Structure formats: structure tokens, C-alpha cells
PDB file of N, CA and C in Angstrom:
ATOM      1  N   MET A   1     -12.306-111.814  56.465  1.00  0.00           N
ATOM      2  CA  MET A   1     -11.821-110.411  56.791  1.00  0.00           C
ATOM      3  C   MET A   1     -13.063-109.431  56.498  1.00  0.00           C
ATOM      4  N   SER A   2     -13.264-108.527  57.363  1.00  0.00           N
ATOM      5  CA  SER A   2     -14.520-107.671  57.196  1.00  0.00           C
ATOM      6  C   SER A   2     -14.177-106.555  56.086  1.00  0.00           C
ATOM      7  N   GLN A   3     -15.274-105.951  55.593  1.00  0.00           N
ATOM      8  CA  GLN A   3     -15.141-104.892  54.623  1.00  0.00           C
ATOM      9  C   GLN A   3     -14.331-103.797  55.173  1.00  0.00           C
ATOM     10  N   PHE A   4     -14.485-103.415  56.297  1.00  0.00           N
ATOM     11  CA  PHE A   4     -13.564-102.315  56.989  1.00  0.00           C
ATOM     12  C   PHE A   4     -12.121-102.674  56.919  1.00  0.00           C
ATOM     13  N   ALA A   5     -11.866-103.938  57.276  1.00  0.00           N
ATOM     14  CA  ALA A   5     -10.446-104.312  57.330  1.00  0.00           C
ATOM     15  C   ALA A   5      -9.783-104.432  55.856  1.00  0.00           C
ATOM     16  N   LYS A   6     -10.646-104.694  54.931  1.00  0.00           N
ATOM     17  CA  LYS A   6     -10.138-104.765  53.563  1.00  0.00           C
ATOM     18  C   LYS A   6      -9.829-103.394  53.084  1.00  0.00           C
ATOM     19  N   GLN A   7     -10.849-102.523  53.393  1.00  0.00           N
ATOM     20  CA  GLN A   7     -10.561-101.129  52.968  1.00  0.00           C
ATOM     21  C   GLN A   7      -9.459-100.509  53.661  1.00  0.00           C
ATOM     22  N   LEU A   8      -9.236-100.698  54.903  1.00  0.00           N
ATOM     23  CA  LEU A   8      -8.132-100.217  55.618  1.00  0.00           C
ATOM     24  C   LEU A   8      -6.933-100.811  55.147  1.00  0.00           C
ATOM     25  N   ALA A   9      -6.845-102.197  54.913  1.00  0.00           N
ATOM     26  CA  ALA A   9      -5.580-102.614  54.407  1.00  0.00           C
ATOM     27  C   ALA A   9      -5.211-102.177  52.945  1.00  0.00           C
ATOM     28  N   LEU A  10      -6.305-101.772  52.174  1.00  0.00           N
ATOM     29  CA  LEU A  10      -5.921-101.267  50.865  1.00  0.00           C
ATOM     30  C   LEU A  10      -5.354 -99.864  51.021  1.00  0.00           C
ATOM     31  N   ILE A  11      -5.886 -99.049  51.969  1.00  0.00           N
ATOM     32  CA  ILE A  11      -5.328 -97.741  52.182  1.00  0.00           C
ATOM     33  C   ILE A  11      -3.943 -97.815  52.639  1.00  0.00           C
ATOM     34  N   MET A  12      -3.668 -98.671  53.635  1.00  0.00           N
ATOM     35  CA  MET A  12      -2.489 -98.833  54.279  1.00  0.00           C
ATOM     36  C   MET A  12      -1.357 -99.440  53.313  1.00  0.00           C
ATOM     37  N   SER A  13      -1.802-100.126  52.285  1.00  0.00           N
ATOM     38  CA  SER A  13      -0.737-100.734  51.470  1.00  0.00           C
ATOM     39  C   SER A  13      -0.173 -99.602  50.455  1.00  0.00           C
ATOM     40  N   GLY A  14      -0.940 -98.700  50.131  1.00  0.00           N
ATOM     41  CA  GLY A  14      -0.412 -97.599  49.280  1.00  0.00           C
ATOM     42  C   GLY A  14      -0.409 -97.953  47.840  1.00  0.00           C
ATOM     43  N   ALA A  15      -1.036 -99.128  47.476  1.00  0.00           N
ATOM     44  CA  ALA A  15      -0.890 -99.664  46.138  1.00  0.00           C
ATOM     45  C   ALA A  15      -1.856 -98.931  45.144  1.00  0.00           C
ATOM     46  N   SER A  16      -2.986 -98.423  45.569  1.00  0.00           N
ATOM     47  CA  SER A  16      -3.861 -97.666  44.784  1.00  0.00           C
ATOM     48  C   SER A  16      -4.421 -96.523  45.385  1.00  0.00           C
ATOM     49  N   ASP A  17      -3.651 -95.596  45.671  1.00  0.00           N
ATOM     50  CA  ASP A  17      -4.091 -94.162  46.393  1.00  0.00           C
ATOM     51  C   ASP A  17      -5.114 -93.556  45.401  1.00  0.00           C
ATOM     52  N   ASN A  18      -4.909 -93.616  44.146  1.00  0.00           N
ATOM     53  CA  ASN A  18      -5.789 -92.892  43.272  1.00  0.00           C
ATOM     54  C   ASN A  18      -7.117 -93.546  42.940  1.00  0.00           C
ATOM     55  N   ASN A  19      -7.323 -94.703  43.547  1.00  0.00           N
ATOM     56  CA  ASN A  19      -8.507 -95.624  43.299  1.00  0.00           C
ATOM     57  C   ASN A  19      -9.393 -95.819  44.547  1.00  0.00           C
ATOM     58  N   ILE A  20      -9.191 -94.924  45.432  1.00  0.00           N
ATOM     59  CA  ILE A  20      -9.931 -95.106  46.694  1.00  0.00           C
ATOM     60  C   ILE A  20     -11.248 -94.246  46.664  1.00  0.00           C
ATOM     61  N   ARG A  21     -12.313 -94.839  46.952  1.00  0.00           N
ATOM     62  CA  ARG A  21     -13.539 -93.971  46.847  1.00  0.00           C
ATOM     63  C   ARG A  21     -13.638 -92.977  48.094  1.00  0.00           C
ATOM     64  N   PHE A  22     -14.214 -91.838  47.908  1.00  0.00           N
ATOM     65  CA  PHE A  22     -14.206 -90.878  48.839  1.00  0.00           C
ATOM     66  C   PHE A  22     -15.019 -91.323  50.064  1.00  0.00           C
ATOM     67  N   ASN A  23     -16.167 -91.899  49.773  1.00  0.00           N
ATOM     68  CA  ASN A  23     -17.087 -92.371  50.882  1.00  0.00           C
ATOM     69  C   ASN A  23     -16.357 -93.531  51.735  1.00  0.00           C
ATOM     70  N   GLU A  24     -15.573 -94.257  51.074  1.00  0.00           N
ATOM     71  CA  GLU A  24     -14.813 -95.338  51.829  1.00  0.00           C
ATOM     72  C   GLU A  24     -13.810 -94.647  52.760  1.00  0.00           C
ATOM     73  N   LEU A  25     -13.072 -93.654  52.361  1.00  0.00           N
ATOM     74  CA  LEU A  25     -12.102 -92.989  53.061  1.00  0.00           C
ATOM     75  C   LEU A  25     -12.818 -92.295  54.289  1.00  0.00           C
ATOM     76  N   CYS A  26     -13.844 -91.699  54.117  1.00  0.00           N
ATOM     77  CA  CYS A  26     -14.666 -91.014  55.083  1.00  0.00           C
ATOM     78  C   CYS A  26     -15.109 -92.088  56.206  1.00  0.00           C
ATOM     79  N   SER A  27     -15.668 -93.116  55.721  1.00  0.00           N
ATOM     80  CA  SER A  27     -16.058 -94.158  56.606  1.00  0.00           C
ATOM     81  C   SER A  27     -15.049 -94.777  57.428  1.00  0.00           C
ATOM     82  N   ILE A  28     -13.844 -94.883  56.811  1.00  0.00           N
ATOM     83  CA  ILE A  28     -12.699 -95.423  57.639  1.00  0.00           C
ATOM     84  C   ILE A  28     -12.343 -94.538  58.696  1.00  0.00           C
ATOM     85  N   LEU A  29     -12.252 -93.236  58.462  1.00  0.00           N
ATOM     86  CA  LEU A  29     -11.901 -92.233  59.445  1.00  0.00           C
ATOM     87  C   LEU A  29     -13.182 -92.208  60.655  1.00  0.00           C
ATOM     88  N   GLU A  30     -14.289 -92.259  60.133  1.00  0.00           N
ATOM     89  CA  GLU A  30     -15.393 -92.277  61.216  1.00  0.00           C
ATOM     90  C   GLU A  30     -15.304 -93.575  62.052  1.00  0.00           C
ATOM     91  N   ARG A  31     -14.994 -94.783  61.402  1.00  0.00           N
ATOM     92  CA  ARG A  31     -14.865 -96.040  62.171  1.00  0.00           C
ATOM     93  C   ARG A  31     -13.577 -95.924  63.123  1.00  0.00           C
ATOM     94  N   LEU A  32     -12.660 -95.105  62.795  1.00  0.00           N
ATOM     95  CA  LEU A  32     -11.446 -94.896  63.691  1.00  0.00           C
ATOM     96  C   LEU A  32     -11.708 -93.907  64.744  1.00  0.00           C
ATOM     97  N   GLY A  33     -12.948 -93.337  64.927  1.00  0.00           N
ATOM     98  CA  GLY A  33     -13.312 -92.445  65.949  1.00  0.00           C
ATOM     99  C   GLY A  33     -13.191 -90.917  65.580  1.00  0.00           C
ATOM    100  N   PHE A  34     -12.948 -90.618  64.402  1.00  0.00           N
ATOM    101  CA  PHE A  34     -12.842 -89.133  64.002  1.00  0.00           C
ATOM    102  C   PHE A  34     -14.263 -88.699  63.829  1.00  0.00           C
ATOM    103  N   GLU A  35     -14.469 -87.335  64.186  1.00  0.00           N
ATOM    104  CA  GLU A  35     -15.758 -86.737  63.909  1.00  0.00           C
ATOM    105  C   GLU A  35     -15.559 -85.856  62.709  1.00  0.00           C
ATOM    106  N   CYS A  36     -16.655 -85.549  62.080  1.00  0.00           N
ATOM    107  CA  CYS A  36     -16.595 -84.858  60.802  1.00  0.00           C
ATOM    108  C   CYS A  36     -17.364 -83.451  60.872  1.00  0.00           C
ATOM    109  N   ARG A  37     -16.867 -82.516  60.285  1.00  0.00           N
ATOM    110  CA  ARG A  37     -17.515 -81.191  60.177  1.00  0.00           C
ATOM    111  C   ARG A  37     -17.529 -80.909  58.644  1.00  0.00           C
ATOM    112  N   ILE A  38     -18.649 -80.537  58.096  1.00  0.00           N
ATOM    113  CA  ILE A  38     -18.680 -80.326  56.718  1.00  0.00           C
ATOM    114  C   ILE A  38     -18.947 -78.749  56.392  1.00  0.00           C
ATOM    115  N   LYS A  39     -18.027 -78.222  55.581  1.00  0.00           N
ATOM    116  CA  LYS A  39     -18.274 -76.792  55.185  1.00  0.00           C
ATOM    117  C   LYS A  39     -18.073 -76.705  53.643  1.00  0.00           C
ATOM    118  N   GLY A  40     -19.178 -76.581  52.965  1.00  0.00           N
ATOM    119  CA  GLY A  40     -19.057 -76.574  51.462  1.00  0.00           C
ATOM    120  C   GLY A  40     -18.787 -78.023  50.924  1.00  0.00           C
ATOM    121  N   ASP A  41     -17.685 -78.124  50.263  1.00  0.00           N
ATOM    122  CA  ASP A  41     -17.297 -79.409  49.906  1.00  0.00           C
ATOM    123  C   ASP A  41     -16.050 -79.858  50.712  1.00  0.00           C
ATOM    124  N   HIS A  42     -15.808 -79.224  51.826  1.00  0.00           N
ATOM    125  CA  HIS A  42     -14.613 -79.658  52.781  1.00  0.00           C
ATOM    126  C   HIS A  42     -15.192 -80.422  53.837  1.00  0.00           C
ATOM    127  N   PHE A  43     -14.678 -81.641  53.907  1.00  0.00           N
ATOM    128  CA  PHE A  43     -14.947 -82.562  54.995  1.00  0.00           C
ATOM    129  C   PHE A  43     -13.853 -82.452  55.998  1.00  0.00           C
ATOM    130  N   ILE A  44     -13.995 -81.919  57.130  1.00  0.00           N
ATOM    131  CA  ILE A  44     -12.874 -81.799  58.127  1.00  0.00           C
ATOM    132  C   ILE A  44     -13.085 -82.643  59.303  1.00  0.00           C
ATOM    133  N   PHE A  45     -12.102 -83.646  59.379  1.00  0.00           N
ATOM    134  CA  PHE A  45     -12.085 -84.673  60.371  1.00  0.00           C
ATOM    135  C   PHE A  45     -11.173 -84.366  61.477  1.00  0.00           C
ATOM    136  N   TYR A  46     -11.635 -84.608  62.727  1.00  0.00           N
ATOM    137  CA  TYR A  46     -10.795 -84.326  63.893  1.00  0.00           C
ATOM    138  C   TYR A  46     -11.113 -85.473  64.891  1.00  0.00           C
ATOM    139  N   LYS A  47     -10.053 -85.598  65.755  1.00  0.00           N
ATOM    140  CA  LYS A  47     -10.331 -86.549  66.889  1.00  0.00           C
ATOM    141  C   LYS A  47      -9.465 -86.171  68.180  1.00  0.00           C
ATOM    142  N   GLN A  48     -10.211 -86.356  69.233  1.00  0.00           N
ATOM    143  CA  GLN A  48      -9.535 -86.072  70.558  1.00  0.00           C
ATOM    144  C   GLN A  48      -8.201 -86.891  70.722  1.00  0.00           C
ATOM    145  N   GLY A  49      -7.170 -86.273  70.924  1.00  0.00           N
ATOM    146  CA  GLY A  49      -5.908 -87.034  71.210  1.00  0.00           C
ATOM    147  C   GLY A  49      -5.114 -86.928  69.948  1.00  0.00           C
ATOM    148  N   VAL A  50      -5.591 -86.444  68.841  1.00  0.00           N
ATOM    149  CA  VAL A  50      -4.851 -86.290  67.488  1.00  0.00           C
ATOM    150  C   VAL A  50      -4.677 -84.848  67.185  1.00  0.00           C
ATOM    151  N   ASP A  51      -3.522 -84.375  67.165  1.00  0.00           N
ATOM    152  CA  ASP A  51      -3.248 -82.927  67.030  1.00  0.00           C
ATOM    153  C   ASP A  51      -3.704 -82.419  65.549  1.00  0.00           C
ATOM    154  N   GLU A  52      -3.382 -83.331  64.629  1.00  0.00           N
ATOM    155  CA  GLU A  52      -3.639 -82.792  63.283  1.00  0.00           C
ATOM    156  C   GLU A  52      -5.142 -83.009  62.933  1.00  0.00           C
ATOM    157  N   ILE A  53      -5.631 -82.163  61.905  1.00  0.00           N
ATOM    158  CA  ILE A  53      -6.915 -82.334  61.374  1.00  0.00           C
ATOM    159  C   ILE A  53      -6.803 -82.720  60.008  1.00  0.00           C
ATOM    160  N   ILE A  54      -7.728 -83.445  59.369  1.00  0.00           N
ATOM    161  CA  ILE A  54      -7.621 -83.984  57.972  1.00  0.00           C
ATOM    162  C   ILE A  54      -8.813 -83.280  57.300  1.00  0.00           C
ATOM    163  N   ASN A  55      -8.347 -82.505  56.189  1.00  0.00           N
ATOM    164  CA  ASN A  55      -9.309 -81.808  55.324  1.00  0.00           C
ATOM    165  C   ASN A  55      -9.512 -82.462  54.045  1.00  0.00           C
ATOM    166  N   LEU A  56     -10.651 -83.054  53.741  1.00  0.00           N
ATOM    167  CA  LEU A  56     -10.805 -83.895  52.516  1.00  0.00           C
ATOM    168  C   LEU A  56     -11.710 -83.163  51.500  1.00  0.00           C
ATOM    169  N   GLN A  57     -11.590 -83.231  50.337  1.00  0.00           N
ATOM    170  CA  GLN A  57     -12.501 -82.664  49.263  1.00  0.00           C
ATOM    171  C   GLN A  57     -12.539 -83.848  48.190  1.00  0.00           C
ATOM    172  N   PRO A  58     -13.798 -84.184  47.815  1.00  0.00           N
ATOM    173  CA  PRO A  58     -13.964 -85.235  46.861  1.00  0.00           C
ATOM    174  C   PRO A  58     -13.546 -84.792  45.383  1.00  0.00           C
ATOM    175  N   ARG A  59     -13.074 -85.638  44.588  1.00  0.00           N
ATOM    176  CA  ARG A  59     -12.849 -85.420  43.153  1.00  0.00           C
ATOM    177  C   ARG A  59     -13.790 -86.402  42.470  1.00  0.00           C
ATOM    178  N   SER A  60     -15.019 -85.878  42.130  1.00  0.00           N
ATOM    179  CA  SER A  60     -16.204 -86.786  41.643  1.00  0.00           C
ATOM    180  C   SER A  60     -16.463 -87.778  42.830  1.00  0.00           C
ATOM    181  N   ASN A  61     -16.262 -89.045  42.705  1.00  0.00           N
ATOM    182  CA  ASN A  61     -16.584 -89.904  43.738  1.00  0.00           C
ATOM    183  C   ASN A  61     -15.258 -90.672  44.240  1.00  0.00           C
ATOM    184  N   LYS A  62     -14.164 -90.129  43.941  1.00  0.00           N
ATOM    185  CA  LYS A  62     -12.870 -90.552  44.379  1.00  0.00           C
ATOM    186  C   LYS A  62     -12.210 -89.715  45.302  1.00  0.00           C
ATOM    187  N   ALA A  63     -11.384 -90.159  46.119  1.00  0.00           N
ATOM    188  CA  ALA A  63     -10.516 -89.423  47.076  1.00  0.00           C
ATOM    189  C   ALA A  63      -9.230 -88.990  46.389  1.00  0.00           C
ATOM    190  N   LYS A  64      -8.748 -87.801  46.692  1.00  0.00           N
ATOM    191  CA  LYS A  64      -7.543 -87.418  45.864  1.00  0.00           C
ATOM    192  C   LYS A  64      -6.417 -88.203  46.589  1.00  0.00           C
ATOM    193  N   ASP A  65      -5.428 -88.590  45.774  1.00  0.00           N
ATOM    194  CA  ASP A  65      -4.361 -89.462  46.159  1.00  0.00           C
ATOM    195  C   ASP A  65      -3.492 -88.916  47.241  1.00  0.00           C
ATOM    196  N   TYR A  66      -3.242 -87.611  47.243  1.00  0.00           N
ATOM    197  CA  TYR A  66      -2.391 -87.134  48.277  1.00  0.00           C
ATOM    198  C   TYR A  66      -3.006 -87.056  49.587  1.00  0.00           C
ATOM    199  N   GLN A  67      -4.410 -86.960  49.525  1.00  0.00           N
ATOM    200  CA  GLN A  67      -5.155 -86.994  50.940  1.00  0.00           C
ATOM    201  C   GLN A  67      -5.202 -88.372  51.373  1.00  0.00           C
ATOM    202  N   VAL A  68      -5.262 -89.421  50.574  1.00  0.00           N
ATOM    203  CA  VAL A  68      -5.280 -90.750  51.012  1.00  0.00           C
ATOM    204  C   VAL A  68      -3.842 -91.061  51.754  1.00  0.00           C
ATOM    205  N   LYS A  69      -2.746 -90.515  51.166  1.00  0.00           N
ATOM    206  CA  LYS A  69      -1.491 -90.629  51.824  1.00  0.00           C
ATOM    207  C   LYS A  69      -1.494 -89.906  53.082  1.00  0.00           C
ATOM    208  N   GLN A  70      -1.991 -88.749  53.215  1.00  0.00           N
ATOM    209  CA  GLN A  70      -2.228 -88.046  54.472  1.00  0.00           C
ATOM    210  C   GLN A  70      -2.864 -88.833  55.524  1.00  0.00           C
ATOM    211  N   VAL A  71      -4.020 -89.453  55.216  1.00  0.00           N
ATOM    212  CA  VAL A  71      -4.662 -90.382  56.102  1.00  0.00           C
ATOM    213  C   VAL A  71      -3.841 -91.547  56.511  1.00  0.00           C
ATOM    214  N   ARG A  72      -3.175 -92.170  55.573  1.00  0.00           N
ATOM    215  CA  ARG A  72      -2.330 -93.198  55.940  1.00  0.00           C
ATOM    216  C   ARG A  72      -1.200 -92.900  56.860  1.00  0.00           C
ATOM    217  N   ASN A  73      -0.580 -91.728  56.589  1.00  0.00           N
ATOM    218  CA  ASN A  73       0.503 -91.221  57.541  1.00  0.00           C
ATOM    219  C   ASN A  73      -0.192 -90.934  58.888  1.00  0.00           C
ATOM    220  N   LEU A  74      -1.296 -90.446  58.924  1.00  0.00           N
ATOM    221  CA  LEU A  74      -1.987 -90.128  60.299  1.00  0.00           C
ATOM    222  C   LEU A  74      -2.174 -91.404  61.011  1.00  0.00           C
ATOM    223  N   ILE A  75      -2.636 -92.406  60.345  1.00  0.00           N
ATOM    224  CA  ILE A  75      -2.913 -93.747  60.955  1.00  0.00           C
ATOM    225  C   ILE A  75      -1.706 -94.306  61.495  1.00  0.00           C
ATOM    226  N   LEU A  76      -0.710 -94.314  60.650  1.00  0.00           N
ATOM    227  CA  LEU A  76       0.634 -94.807  61.194  1.00  0.00           C
ATOM    228  C   LEU A  76       1.237 -93.998  62.434  1.00  0.00           C
ATOM    229  N   GLN A  77       1.180 -92.747  62.294  1.00  0.00           N
ATOM    230  CA  GLN A  77       1.658 -91.944  63.293  1.00  0.00           C
ATOM    231  C   GLN A  77       1.093 -92.146  64.682  1.00  0.00           C
ATOM    232  N   TYR A  78      -0.256 -92.180  64.690  1.00  0.00           N
ATOM    233  CA  TYR A  78      -0.963 -92.398  65.933  1.00  0.00           C
ATOM    234  C   TYR A  78      -1.315 -93.826  66.226  1.00  0.00           C
ATOM    235  N   ARG A  79      -0.851 -94.760  65.419  1.00  0.00           N
ATOM    236  CA  ARG A  79      -1.258 -96.110  65.580  1.00  0.00           C
ATOM    237  C   ARG A  79      -2.657 -96.486  65.779  1.00  0.00           C
ATOM    238  N   LEU A  80      -3.473 -95.911  64.830  1.00  0.00           N
ATOM    239  CA  LEU A  80      -4.953 -96.087  64.876  1.00  0.00           C
ATOM    240  C   LEU A  80      -5.541 -97.241  64.152  1.00  0.00           C
ATOM    241  N   GLY A  81      -4.636 -98.103  63.409  1.00  0.00           N
ATOM    242  CA  GLY A  81      -5.263 -99.109  62.497  1.00  0.00           C
ATOM    243  C   GLY A  81      -5.186-100.362  63.176  1.00  0.00           C
ATOM    244  N   GLY A  82      -4.836-100.535  64.408  1.00  0.00           N
ATOM    245  CA  GLY A  82      -4.684-101.848  65.170  1.00  0.00           C
ATOM    246  C   GLY A  82      -3.687-102.646  64.603  1.00  0.00           C
ATOM    247  N   ASP A  83      -3.907-103.912  64.291  1.00  0.00           N
ATOM    248  CA  ASP A  83      -2.902-104.839  63.863  1.00  0.00           C
ATOM    249  C   ASP A  83      -2.396-104.690  62.438  1.00  0.00           C
ATOM    250  N   LEU A  84      -3.061-103.758  61.661  1.00  0.00           N
ATOM    251  CA  LEU A  84      -2.669-103.579  60.374  1.00  0.00           C
ATOM    252  C   LEU A  84      -1.521-102.655  60.181  1.00  0.00           C
ATOM    253  N   ASN A  85      -1.091-101.916  61.318  1.00  0.00           N
ATOM    254  CA  ASN A  85      -0.069-101.099  61.250  1.00  0.00           C
ATOM    255  C   ASN A  85       1.254-101.830  61.171  1.00  0.00           C
ATOM    256  N   VAL A  86       2.340-101.384  60.483  1.00  0.00           N
ATOM    257  CA  VAL A  86       3.581-102.065  60.416  1.00  0.00           C
ATOM    258  C   VAL A  86       4.643-101.154  60.949  1.00  0.00           C
TER     259      VAL A  86
END
């Protein structure tokens, strides 16, 4: 299993939302085809065909748990995770 698949599976499991690194969450979104715009400490992710935008802010080097949940819900809603979606 690739590192990307492991990280995506960890995010999709919901088991450790408060222990996801911010950089990993950003790289997952970029690998899924999202583009990033940075304004201050706000990382704004958007993608053609996805109506919602994701606005992430780091908490030191970790992602905020509610933002991990937002990303998970977006991946599930738009079926972006390939065979890892349930």
C-alpha cells in the first residue's frame, strides 16, 4: 500500500482526526486534484466540479480535527477516494 493510500485510509477511518499532520492533509487534497490558494494562514482548496471549498488553517503542524472531518465528508460526497470509499 502506498503512502498516499495509507494516509487516505487513515483520514477516511476517522479514528485519529486530531492526529493528522497538516501537510499530509494538504497533500491528500492536491493528489485528489484540488488547487490551493493561500491567503495568510488560510489554505483554500477548490476543484472543478466540486461546489464546496475547503478552508484549512494549521494548528502548529497538525490539522484541526473538524477540518479533517470536513475533508472526509467531501471525499465521501463526491466519491473522490477511489476504492477506499464505503
